[in-house]
Amino acid sequence: MKVNQKYIADLLKVSRVTVTKALQDHPDIAISTRKKVKDLAQELGTFQI
């Protein structure tokens, strides 16, 4: 299984753009969504945050 931003987006039912922006702490993305994305990314061992 390849873990990437698309995979995270599919699991969380958000767009890949949302995942990208969340990982970059973009202000357009709600804090709660950023936290969900970052927590899952870290849990999957994909990104060091």
PDB file of N, CA and C in Angstrom:
ATOM      1  N   MET A   1       0.846  -1.181   0.000  1.00  0.00           N
ATOM      2  CA  MET A   1       0.000   0.000   0.000  1.00  0.00           C
ATOM      3  C   MET A   1       0.890   1.242   0.000  1.00  0.00           C
ATOM      4  N   LYS A   2       0.617   2.125  -0.930  1.00  0.00           N
ATOM      5  CA  LYS A   2       1.377   3.366  -1.024  1.00  0.00           C
ATOM      6  C   LYS A   2       0.654   4.453  -0.239  1.00  0.00           C
ATOM      7  N   VAL A   3       1.329   4.967   0.767  1.00  0.00           N
ATOM      8  CA  VAL A   3       0.739   6.028   1.582  1.00  0.00           C
ATOM      9  C   VAL A   3       1.242   7.362   1.043  1.00  0.00           C
ATOM     10  N   ASN A   4       0.300   8.153   0.557  1.00  0.00           N
ATOM     11  CA  ASN A   4       0.632   9.472   0.040  1.00  0.00           C
ATOM     12  C   ASN A   4      -0.527  10.414   0.365  1.00  0.00           C
ATOM     13  N   GLN A   5      -0.454  11.621  -0.135  1.00  0.00           N
ATOM     14  CA  GLN A   5      -1.489  12.606   0.187  1.00  0.00           C
ATOM     15  C   GLN A   5      -2.854  12.190  -0.340  1.00  0.00           C
ATOM     16  N   LYS A   6      -2.887  11.537  -1.487  1.00  0.00           N
ATOM     17  CA  LYS A   6      -4.169  11.078  -2.031  1.00  0.00           C
ATOM     18  C   LYS A   6      -4.783  10.014  -1.127  1.00  0.00           C
ATOM     19  N   TYR A   7      -3.964   9.116  -0.625  1.00  0.00           N
ATOM     20  CA  TYR A   7      -4.442   8.065   0.271  1.00  0.00           C
ATOM     21  C   TYR A   7      -5.026   8.682   1.546  1.00  0.00           C
ATOM     22  N   ILE A   8      -4.331   9.644   2.117  1.00  0.00           N
ATOM     23  CA  ILE A   8      -4.814  10.331   3.319  1.00  0.00           C
ATOM     24  C   ILE A   8      -6.120  11.056   3.016  1.00  0.00           C
ATOM     25  N   ALA A   9      -6.178  11.719   1.878  1.00  0.00           N
ATOM     26  CA  ALA A   9      -7.400  12.430   1.475  1.00  0.00           C
ATOM     27  C   ALA A   9      -8.570  11.461   1.362  1.00  0.00           C
ATOM     28  N   ASP A  10      -8.340  10.306   0.753  1.00  0.00           N
ATOM     29  CA  ASP A  10      -9.403   9.310   0.607  1.00  0.00           C
ATOM     30  C   ASP A  10      -9.882   8.805   1.967  1.00  0.00           C
ATOM     31  N   LEU A  11      -8.955   8.546   2.875  1.00  0.00           N
ATOM     32  CA  LEU A  11      -9.331   8.064   4.211  1.00  0.00           C
ATOM     33  C   LEU A  11     -10.162   9.088   4.974  1.00  0.00           C
ATOM     34  N   LEU A  12      -9.812  10.351   4.838  1.00  0.00           N
ATOM     35  CA  LEU A  12     -10.500  11.414   5.575  1.00  0.00           C
ATOM     36  C   LEU A  12     -11.669  12.018   4.806  1.00  0.00           C
ATOM     37  N   LYS A  13     -11.849  11.563   3.559  1.00  0.00           N
ATOM     38  CA  LYS A  13     -12.937  12.070   2.711  1.00  0.00           C
ATOM     39  C   LYS A  13     -12.830  13.587   2.500  1.00  0.00           C
ATOM     40  N   VAL A  14     -11.605  14.006   2.189  1.00  0.00           N
ATOM     41  CA  VAL A  14     -11.345  15.396   1.828  1.00  0.00           C
ATOM     42  C   VAL A  14     -10.554  15.387   0.519  1.00  0.00           C
ATOM     43  N   SER A  15     -10.341  16.547  -0.054  1.00  0.00           N
ATOM     44  CA  SER A  15      -9.583  16.606  -1.305  1.00  0.00           C
ATOM     45  C   SER A  15      -8.080  16.530  -1.025  1.00  0.00           C
ATOM     46  N   ARG A  16      -7.334  16.178  -2.070  1.00  0.00           N
ATOM     47  CA  ARG A  16      -5.886  16.131  -1.951  1.00  0.00           C
ATOM     48  C   ARG A  16      -5.339  17.536  -1.695  1.00  0.00           C
ATOM     49  N   VAL A  17      -5.986  18.536  -2.269  1.00  0.00           N
ATOM     50  CA  VAL A  17      -5.576  19.928  -2.047  1.00  0.00           C
ATOM     51  C   VAL A  17      -5.735  20.295  -0.575  1.00  0.00           C
ATOM     52  N   THR A  18      -6.815  19.826   0.046  1.00  0.00           N
ATOM     53  CA  THR A  18      -7.024  20.081   1.473  1.00  0.00           C
ATOM     54  C   THR A  18      -5.897  19.472   2.291  1.00  0.00           C
ATOM     55  N   VAL A  19      -5.491  18.261   1.954  1.00  0.00           N
ATOM     56  CA  VAL A  19      -4.387  17.605   2.669  1.00  0.00           C
ATOM     57  C   VAL A  19      -3.106  18.416   2.494  1.00  0.00           C
ATOM     58  N   THR A  20      -2.819  18.817   1.283  1.00  0.00           N
ATOM     59  CA  THR A  20      -1.615  19.610   1.009  1.00  0.00           C
ATOM     60  C   THR A  20      -1.614  20.897   1.827  1.00  0.00           C
ATOM     61  N   LYS A  21      -2.724  21.616   1.784  1.00  0.00           N
ATOM     62  CA  LYS A  21      -2.818  22.879   2.529  1.00  0.00           C
ATOM     63  C   LYS A  21      -2.748  22.644   4.036  1.00  0.00           C
ATOM     64  N   ALA A  22      -3.372  21.579   4.514  1.00  0.00           N
ATOM     65  CA  ALA A  22      -3.352  21.281   5.950  1.00  0.00           C
ATOM     66  C   ALA A  22      -1.929  21.003   6.424  1.00  0.00           C
ATOM     67  N   LEU A  23      -1.168  20.272   5.632  1.00  0.00           N
ATOM     68  CA  LEU A  23       0.212  19.959   6.011  1.00  0.00           C
ATOM     69  C   LEU A  23       1.101  21.197   5.987  1.00  0.00           C
ATOM     70  N   GLN A  24       0.674  22.216   5.257  1.00  0.00           N
ATOM     71  CA  GLN A  24       1.430  23.471   5.184  1.00  0.00           C
ATOM     72  C   GLN A  24       0.865  24.536   6.122  1.00  0.00           C
ATOM     73  N   ASP A  25      -0.083  24.144   6.989  1.00  0.00           N
ATOM     74  CA  ASP A  25      -0.712  25.079   7.939  1.00  0.00           C
ATOM     75  C   ASP A  25      -1.349  26.276   7.246  1.00  0.00           C
ATOM     76  N   HIS A  26      -1.972  26.040   6.124  1.00  0.00           N
ATOM     77  CA  HIS A  26      -2.628  27.122   5.379  1.00  0.00           C
ATOM     78  C   HIS A  26      -3.846  27.611   6.160  1.00  0.00           C
ATOM     79  N   PRO A  27      -4.024  28.928   6.294  1.00  0.00           N
ATOM     80  CA  PRO A  27      -5.139  29.468   7.084  1.00  0.00           C
ATOM     81  C   PRO A  27      -6.525  29.198   6.492  1.00  0.00           C
ATOM     82  N   ASP A  28      -6.608  28.810   5.223  1.00  0.00           N
ATOM     83  CA  ASP A  28      -7.908  28.482   4.623  1.00  0.00           C
ATOM     84  C   ASP A  28      -8.506  27.197   5.195  1.00  0.00           C
ATOM     85  N   ILE A  29      -7.674  26.372   5.810  1.00  0.00           N
ATOM     86  CA  ILE A  29      -8.111  25.069   6.316  1.00  0.00           C
ATOM     87  C   ILE A  29      -8.382  25.185   7.812  1.00  0.00           C
ATOM     88  N   ALA A  30      -9.541  24.687   8.224  1.00  0.00           N
ATOM     89  CA  ALA A  30      -9.921  24.747   9.643  1.00  0.00           C
ATOM     90  C   ALA A  30      -8.872  24.040  10.504  1.00  0.00           C
ATOM     91  N   ILE A  31      -8.662  24.569  11.688  1.00  0.00           N
ATOM     92  CA  ILE A  31      -7.681  23.995  12.608  1.00  0.00           C
ATOM     93  C   ILE A  31      -8.000  22.532  12.897  1.00  0.00           C
ATOM     94  N   SER A  32      -9.276  22.210  13.060  1.00  0.00           N
ATOM     95  CA  SER A  32      -9.658  20.822  13.351  1.00  0.00           C
ATOM     96  C   SER A  32      -9.293  19.891  12.193  1.00  0.00           C
ATOM     97  N   THR A  33      -9.463  20.366  10.975  1.00  0.00           N
ATOM     98  CA  THR A  33      -9.105  19.560   9.800  1.00  0.00           C
ATOM     99  C   THR A  33      -7.596  19.405   9.703  1.00  0.00           C
ATOM    100  N   ARG A  34      -6.872  20.481   9.962  1.00  0.00           N
ATOM    101  CA  ARG A  34      -5.405  20.404   9.945  1.00  0.00           C
ATOM    102  C   ARG A  34      -4.916  19.364  10.942  1.00  0.00           C
ATOM    103  N   LYS A  35      -5.526  19.374  12.120  1.00  0.00           N
ATOM    104  CA  LYS A  35      -5.122  18.419  13.152  1.00  0.00           C
ATOM    105  C   LYS A  35      -5.402  16.988  12.711  1.00  0.00           C
ATOM    106  N   LYS A  36      -6.575  16.740  12.140  1.00  0.00           N
ATOM    107  CA  LYS A  36      -6.917  15.389  11.673  1.00  0.00           C
ATOM    108  C   LYS A  36      -5.925  14.907  10.620  1.00  0.00           C
ATOM    109  N   VAL A  37      -5.621  15.781   9.669  1.00  0.00           N
ATOM    110  CA  VAL A  37      -4.695  15.417   8.595  1.00  0.00           C
ATOM    111  C   VAL A  37      -3.310  15.124   9.164  1.00  0.00           C
ATOM    112  N   LYS A  38      -2.813  16.014  10.002  1.00  0.00           N
ATOM    113  CA  LYS A  38      -1.472  15.836  10.563  1.00  0.00           C
ATOM    114  C   LYS A  38      -1.387  14.608  11.457  1.00  0.00           C
ATOM    115  N   ASP A  39      -2.422  14.382  12.269  1.00  0.00           N
ATOM    116  CA  ASP A  39      -2.428  13.210  13.147  1.00  0.00           C
ATOM    117  C   ASP A  39      -2.397  11.921  12.339  1.00  0.00           C
ATOM    118  N   LEU A  40      -3.217  11.853  11.293  1.00  0.00           N
ATOM    119  CA  LEU A  40      -3.244  10.645  10.470  1.00  0.00           C
ATOM    120  C   LEU A  40      -1.923  10.466   9.727  1.00  0.00           C
ATOM    121  N   ALA A  41      -1.384  11.530   9.185  1.00  0.00           N
ATOM    122  CA  ALA A  41      -0.108  11.447   8.467  1.00  0.00           C
ATOM    123  C   ALA A  41       0.996  10.940   9.388  1.00  0.00           C
ATOM    124  N   GLN A  42       1.001  11.434  10.598  1.00  0.00           N
ATOM    125  CA  GLN A  42       2.016  11.011  11.558  1.00  0.00           C
ATOM    126  C   GLN A  42       1.793   9.556  11.972  1.00  0.00           C
ATOM    127  N   GLU A  43       0.542   9.178  12.185  1.00  0.00           N
ATOM    128  CA  GLU A  43       0.202   7.805  12.560  1.00  0.00           C
ATOM    129  C   GLU A  43       0.634   6.815  11.475  1.00  0.00           C
ATOM    130  N   LEU A  44       0.451   7.202  10.229  1.00  0.00           N
ATOM    131  CA  LEU A  44       0.831   6.342   9.110  1.00  0.00           C
ATOM    132  C   LEU A  44       2.335   6.377   8.850  1.00  0.00           C
ATOM    133  N   GLY A  45       3.023   7.280   9.529  1.00  0.00           N
ATOM    134  CA  GLY A  45       4.468   7.371   9.388  1.00  0.00           C
ATOM    135  C   GLY A  45       4.906   7.981   8.073  1.00  0.00           C
ATOM    136  N   THR A  46       4.032   8.755   7.475  1.00  0.00           N
ATOM    137  CA  THR A  46       4.309   9.312   6.161  1.00  0.00           C
ATOM    138  C   THR A  46       5.122  10.589   6.241  1.00  0.00           C
ATOM    139  N   PHE A  47       4.748  11.460   7.142  1.00  0.00           N
ATOM    140  CA  PHE A  47       5.365  12.780   7.213  1.00  0.00           C
ATOM    141  C   PHE A  47       5.833  13.041   8.634  1.00  0.00           C
ATOM    142  N   GLN A  48       6.984  13.674   8.760  1.00  0.00           N
ATOM    143  CA  GLN A  48       7.461  14.112  10.064  1.00  0.00           C
ATOM    144  C   GLN A  48       6.909  15.502  10.296  1.00  0.00           C
ATOM    145  N   ILE A  49       6.130  15.639  11.354  1.00  0.00           N
ATOM    146  CA  ILE A  49       5.489  16.928  11.625  1.00  0.00           C
ATOM    147  C   ILE A  49       5.932  17.443  12.979  1.00  0.00           C
TER     148      ILE A  49
END
